[in-house]
Amino acid sequence: MLYYHLHELSMPEFLAMRDDIELPTVSLENVCADHATLVDSIKQAIPSPLKSFTDYLAFGAYLFFAERTDTFLIRIRQLINVIVDYDLPEDRTIGVSTQAKLKKLLYVLSTSVPFTPNIAKLATQVETSRVRLLEMLDMLEKAQLILHLHSASKGTSLLNKPQKIYLHNTSLIMALAEGAPNVGNLRETFLFTHLDGAGHHVTYPKAGDFLVDGITTIEVGGKSKTKSQIQFVPDAYLALDAAEYGSPGKIPLRLFGFLY
């Protein structure tokens, strides 16, 4: 049997399908070195790049928007139910109680700040044991509902907790957080999803939010974010939400959506 790993829609795919706008993908190197040119070229093709970016965060990851955007979040919740209630039990032996805890775990992650897990506390919240919680996190990662961010210096075995946990895309956050998503969580999830989708190896750095391919450090924030946390880090950049234009070392976050 042939399997193909299909990532969520990227920004170019979303724009092509919704607006019939064709834009090329770009490399990470190009985003970091020539983001001013990219901003101008995208602005020529898209009337309101920031509005399109906001739309993508809300409902751009899955093709459900091609049917009706007003029922999009309902369709995502139904998709989650199908995965947890039907797909996972076919692969592993899990009962109704575990299914309910998996959904509760997803909700906790959706409403949190970028989630640095305290496994013992999280297990208490979900009403399960530490070992069972790690198994549940592994299930959700393999089901492509969450992403684990590990330290480069530690292994990725089941018993090694991740440094941070994210939902697999921003549309999942919007569907599960019920209108109250954490902005920082949306920003970091968007960047992590697109770096991962483009095939980059992403780990947790000593400074900043993401270390890409062991070389490039990226810190995520709003347009007023400063480089204080990464000022002494080589090859480090800020990815800024709501910034229409960048400046040296500061890149509009939406440009990373064009990596694949």
Protein backbone atom coordinates (compact mmCIF):
# COMPACT_ATOMS: atom_id res chain seq x y z
CA MET A 1 0.00 0.00 0.00
CA LEU A 2 1.29 3.45 -0.94
CA TYR A 3 1.14 6.23 1.67
CA TYR A 4 1.65 9.93 1.08
CA HIS A 5 2.09 12.47 3.87
CA LEU A 6 0.00 15.49 2.89
CA HIS A 7 0.68 18.69 4.83
CA GLU A 8 -1.93 21.34 5.54
CA LEU A 9 -2.48 23.98 2.88
CA SER A 10 0.28 26.57 2.75
CA MET A 11 -0.33 30.26 2.11
CA PRO A 12 0.27 30.00 -1.68
CA GLU A 13 -2.09 27.00 -1.90
CA PHE A 14 -4.74 28.80 0.13
CA LEU A 15 -4.52 31.92 -2.05
CA ALA A 16 -4.57 29.89 -5.26
CA MET A 17 -7.68 27.96 -4.26
CA ARG A 18 -9.62 30.81 -2.67
CA ASP A 19 -8.61 33.82 -4.74
CA ASP A 20 -7.14 32.27 -7.90
CA ILE A 21 -3.86 34.08 -7.15
CA GLU A 22 -0.72 32.20 -8.14
CA LEU A 23 2.37 33.00 -6.07
CA PRO A 24 5.63 31.02 -5.97
CA THR A 25 7.12 29.36 -2.93
CA VAL A 26 10.38 30.72 -1.55
CA SER A 27 13.29 29.30 0.41
CA LEU A 28 14.04 30.16 4.02
CA GLU A 29 17.31 31.70 2.86
CA ASN A 30 15.39 33.93 0.47
CA VAL A 31 12.92 35.01 3.17
CA CYS A 32 15.75 35.95 5.53
CA ALA A 33 17.95 37.69 2.96
CA ASP A 34 15.45 39.38 0.64
CA HIS A 35 12.20 39.86 2.54
CA ALA A 36 11.75 43.47 1.40
CA THR A 37 11.56 42.37 -2.24
CA LEU A 38 9.16 39.55 -1.33
CA VAL A 39 6.86 41.94 0.52
CA ASP A 40 6.64 44.18 -2.56
CA SER A 41 6.01 41.32 -5.00
CA ILE A 42 3.29 39.81 -2.80
CA LYS A 43 1.68 43.21 -2.27
CA GLN A 44 1.39 43.64 -6.05
CA ALA A 45 -0.53 40.36 -6.29
CA ILE A 46 -2.69 40.57 -3.15
CA PRO A 47 -4.79 43.67 -2.42
CA SER A 48 -4.54 43.25 1.36
CA PRO A 49 -1.74 40.87 2.45
CA LEU A 50 -2.41 41.34 6.17
CA LYS A 51 -6.12 40.56 5.73
CA SER A 52 -5.28 37.44 3.70
CA PHE A 53 -2.84 36.38 6.43
CA THR A 54 -5.52 36.82 9.12
CA ASP A 55 -7.95 34.78 7.02
CA TYR A 56 -5.39 32.03 6.62
CA LEU A 57 -4.82 31.85 10.39
CA ALA A 58 -8.55 31.45 10.92
CA PHE A 59 -9.51 28.93 8.25
CA GLY A 60 -6.73 28.37 5.73
CA ALA A 61 -5.28 25.00 6.70
CA TYR A 62 -8.02 22.77 5.24
CA LEU A 63 -10.10 22.88 2.06
CA PHE A 64 -13.37 23.14 3.97
CA PHE A 65 -13.36 26.90 3.29
CA ALA A 66 -14.05 26.13 -0.39
CA GLU A 67 -17.56 25.02 0.63
CA ARG A 68 -18.66 27.52 3.28
CA THR A 69 -16.54 29.62 5.62
CA ASP A 70 -19.38 30.06 8.13
CA THR A 71 -19.39 26.31 8.89
CA PHE A 72 -15.64 25.84 8.62
CA LEU A 73 -14.91 25.59 12.35
CA ILE A 74 -17.77 23.11 12.81
CA ARG A 75 -16.29 20.93 10.08
CA ILE A 76 -12.90 20.96 11.81
CA ARG A 77 -14.45 19.90 15.11
CA GLN A 78 -16.18 17.07 13.24
CA LEU A 79 -12.83 16.10 11.71
CA ILE A 80 -11.24 15.96 15.16
CA ASN A 81 -14.07 13.75 16.39
CA VAL A 82 -13.60 11.38 13.43
CA ILE A 83 -9.87 11.10 14.12
CA VAL A 84 -10.24 10.55 17.86
CA ASP A 85 -13.40 8.43 17.85
CA TYR A 86 -12.81 6.28 14.76
CA ASP A 87 -9.31 6.53 13.29
CA LEU A 88 -7.25 6.20 16.49
CA PRO A 89 -9.19 3.16 17.82
CA GLU A 90 -8.39 1.32 14.57
CA ASP A 91 -4.69 1.74 15.28
CA ARG A 92 -4.62 1.39 19.07
CA THR A 93 -6.85 -0.03 21.76
CA ILE A 94 -8.41 3.00 23.43
CA GLY A 95 -11.72 3.31 25.22
CA VAL A 96 -14.36 6.02 25.42
CA SER A 97 -12.74 7.45 28.56
CA THR A 98 -9.40 7.91 26.80
CA GLN A 99 -11.11 9.48 23.80
CA ALA A 100 -12.73 12.06 26.09
CA LYS A 101 -9.36 12.80 27.71
CA LEU A 102 -7.70 13.22 24.31
CA LYS A 103 -10.28 15.85 23.39
CA LYS A 104 -9.83 17.60 26.73
CA LEU A 105 -6.07 17.61 26.18
CA LEU A 106 -6.51 19.22 22.76
CA TYR A 107 -8.73 21.91 24.28
CA VAL A 108 -6.16 22.69 26.99
CA LEU A 109 -3.45 23.06 24.34
CA SER A 110 -5.64 25.28 22.14
CA THR A 111 -6.32 27.86 24.85
CA SER A 112 -2.81 28.02 26.28
CA VAL A 113 0.10 30.31 25.65
CA PRO A 114 2.79 28.50 23.61
CA PHE A 115 2.71 25.44 25.77
CA THR A 116 5.73 24.42 27.84
CA PRO A 117 4.42 21.23 29.41
CA ASN A 118 4.51 20.41 33.07
CA ILE A 119 3.70 16.75 32.52
CA ALA A 120 2.59 16.05 36.09
CA LYS A 121 0.28 19.09 36.16
CA LEU A 122 -1.08 18.36 32.70
CA ALA A 123 -1.77 14.75 33.67
CA THR A 124 -3.75 16.01 36.66
CA GLN A 125 -5.76 18.37 34.43
CA VAL A 126 -6.62 15.55 32.06
CA GLU A 127 -7.14 13.08 34.94
CA THR A 128 -4.62 10.50 33.87
CA SER A 129 -1.16 9.21 34.80
CA ARG A 130 2.13 10.68 33.61
CA VAL A 131 2.97 7.63 31.50
CA ARG A 132 -0.50 7.51 29.96
CA LEU A 133 -0.35 11.23 29.18
CA LEU A 134 2.92 10.77 27.28
CA GLU A 135 1.26 7.94 25.34
CA MET A 136 -1.68 10.23 24.55
CA LEU A 137 0.63 12.98 23.33
CA ASP A 138 2.34 10.44 21.08
CA MET A 139 -1.05 9.36 19.67
CA LEU A 140 -2.04 12.94 18.90
CA GLU A 141 1.29 13.72 17.26
CA LYS A 142 1.06 10.67 15.00
CA ALA A 143 -2.52 11.65 14.14
CA GLN A 144 -1.16 15.07 13.01
CA LEU A 145 -3.23 16.93 15.57
CA ILE A 146 -0.24 18.26 17.52
CA LEU A 147 3.43 19.05 16.95
CA HIS A 148 6.19 18.43 19.50
CA LEU A 149 9.15 20.78 19.74
CA HIS A 150 12.17 19.00 21.23
CA SER A 151 15.52 20.27 22.41
CA ALA A 152 18.36 19.49 20.01
CA SER A 153 20.34 18.06 22.92
CA LYS A 154 17.68 15.53 23.95
CA GLY A 155 16.17 12.52 22.24
CA THR A 156 12.63 12.26 20.91
CA SER A 157 11.65 8.99 22.55
CA LEU A 158 8.21 8.51 24.03
CA LEU A 159 9.49 9.04 27.59
CA ASN A 160 11.32 12.30 26.82
CA LYS A 161 8.83 15.11 27.15
CA PRO A 162 8.88 17.80 24.45
CA GLN A 163 10.01 21.31 25.36
CA LYS A 164 6.83 22.74 23.84
CA ILE A 165 3.61 21.35 22.40
CA TYR A 166 1.59 22.99 19.62
CA LEU A 167 -1.58 22.11 17.81
CA HIS A 168 -0.78 21.06 14.25
CA ASN A 169 -2.08 24.27 12.63
CA THR A 170 -3.81 27.53 13.46
CA SER A 171 -7.20 26.40 12.13
CA LEU A 172 -7.28 23.71 14.83
CA ILE A 173 -6.60 26.39 17.44
CA MET A 174 -9.45 28.55 16.14
CA ALA A 175 -11.86 25.61 16.14
CA LEU A 176 -11.00 24.39 19.64
CA ALA A 177 -10.35 27.68 21.45
CA GLU A 178 -13.95 28.76 20.78
CA GLY A 179 -13.16 32.32 19.77
CA ALA A 180 -10.52 32.97 22.43
CA PRO A 181 -7.17 31.84 20.97
CA ASN A 182 -3.91 33.00 22.48
CA VAL A 183 -2.26 35.33 19.96
CA GLY A 184 1.25 34.13 20.80
CA ASN A 185 0.14 30.56 20.29
CA LEU A 186 -1.28 31.41 16.84
CA ARG A 187 1.93 33.14 15.78
CA GLU A 188 4.29 30.37 16.87
CA THR A 189 2.05 27.60 15.53
CA PHE A 190 1.89 29.28 12.12
CA LEU A 191 5.67 29.51 11.90
CA PHE A 192 6.33 26.00 13.23
CA THR A 193 3.76 24.47 10.87
CA HIS A 194 5.31 26.08 7.80
CA LEU A 195 8.91 25.35 8.75
CA ASP A 196 7.93 21.72 9.35
CA GLY A 197 5.88 21.57 6.15
CA ALA A 198 8.86 22.84 4.18
CA GLY A 199 10.99 19.98 5.51
CA HIS A 200 13.15 21.94 7.94
CA HIS A 201 14.43 20.35 11.14
CA VAL A 202 13.09 22.52 13.95
CA THR A 203 14.30 22.29 17.56
CA TYR A 204 14.07 24.29 20.77
CA PRO A 205 16.97 26.77 21.14
CA LYS A 206 18.68 28.22 24.20
CA ALA A 207 17.50 31.68 23.08
CA GLY A 208 14.57 32.51 20.80
CA ASP A 209 11.61 30.33 19.88
CA PHE A 210 12.90 28.04 17.12
CA LEU A 211 16.27 26.77 15.91
CA VAL A 212 16.02 25.78 12.24
CA ASP A 213 18.37 23.13 10.82
CA GLY A 214 20.75 23.79 13.71
CA ILE A 215 21.69 27.17 12.22
CA THR A 216 18.98 29.85 12.09
CA THR A 217 17.27 31.14 15.23
CA ILE A 218 13.83 32.75 14.98
CA GLU A 219 11.99 34.68 17.68
CA VAL A 220 8.28 35.35 17.11
CA GLY A 221 6.29 38.35 18.30
CA GLY A 222 4.17 41.40 17.57
CA LYS A 223 5.43 44.28 15.43
CA SER A 224 6.85 46.09 18.49
CA LYS A 225 8.97 43.09 19.55
CA THR A 226 12.67 43.87 20.08
CA LYS A 227 15.74 41.70 19.51
CA SER A 228 16.75 41.77 23.18
CA GLN A 229 16.30 38.01 23.62
CA ILE A 230 18.43 37.14 20.57
CA GLN A 231 20.80 40.10 20.32
CA PHE A 232 23.90 37.97 20.95
CA VAL A 233 22.75 35.01 18.83
CA PRO A 234 24.32 34.60 15.35
CA ASP A 235 22.03 34.20 12.34
CA ALA A 236 18.98 35.24 14.37
CA TYR A 237 15.79 36.93 13.15
CA LEU A 238 12.51 38.29 14.45
CA ALA A 239 9.30 37.08 12.76
CA LEU A 240 6.78 39.86 13.39
CA ASP A 241 3.02 39.56 13.23
CA ALA A 242 1.06 42.50 11.75
CA ALA A 243 4.21 44.13 10.38
CA GLU A 244 3.52 45.34 6.85
CA TYR A 245 7.22 45.75 6.09
CA GLY A 246 10.35 44.38 7.67
CA SER A 247 13.77 45.85 8.42
CA PRO A 248 17.23 44.33 8.91
CA GLY A 249 16.79 41.22 11.07
CA LYS A 250 13.02 41.75 11.30
CA ILE A 251 10.76 39.82 8.92
CA PRO A 252 6.96 39.95 8.49
CA LEU A 253 5.67 36.66 9.89
CA ARG A 254 3.35 35.99 6.94
CA LEU A 255 6.31 35.55 4.56
CA PHE A 256 7.16 32.23 6.23
CA GLY A 257 3.82 30.96 4.94
CA PHE A 258 5.35 30.81 1.44
CA LEU A 259 8.00 28.20 2.32
CA TYR A 260 6.09 25.37 0.61
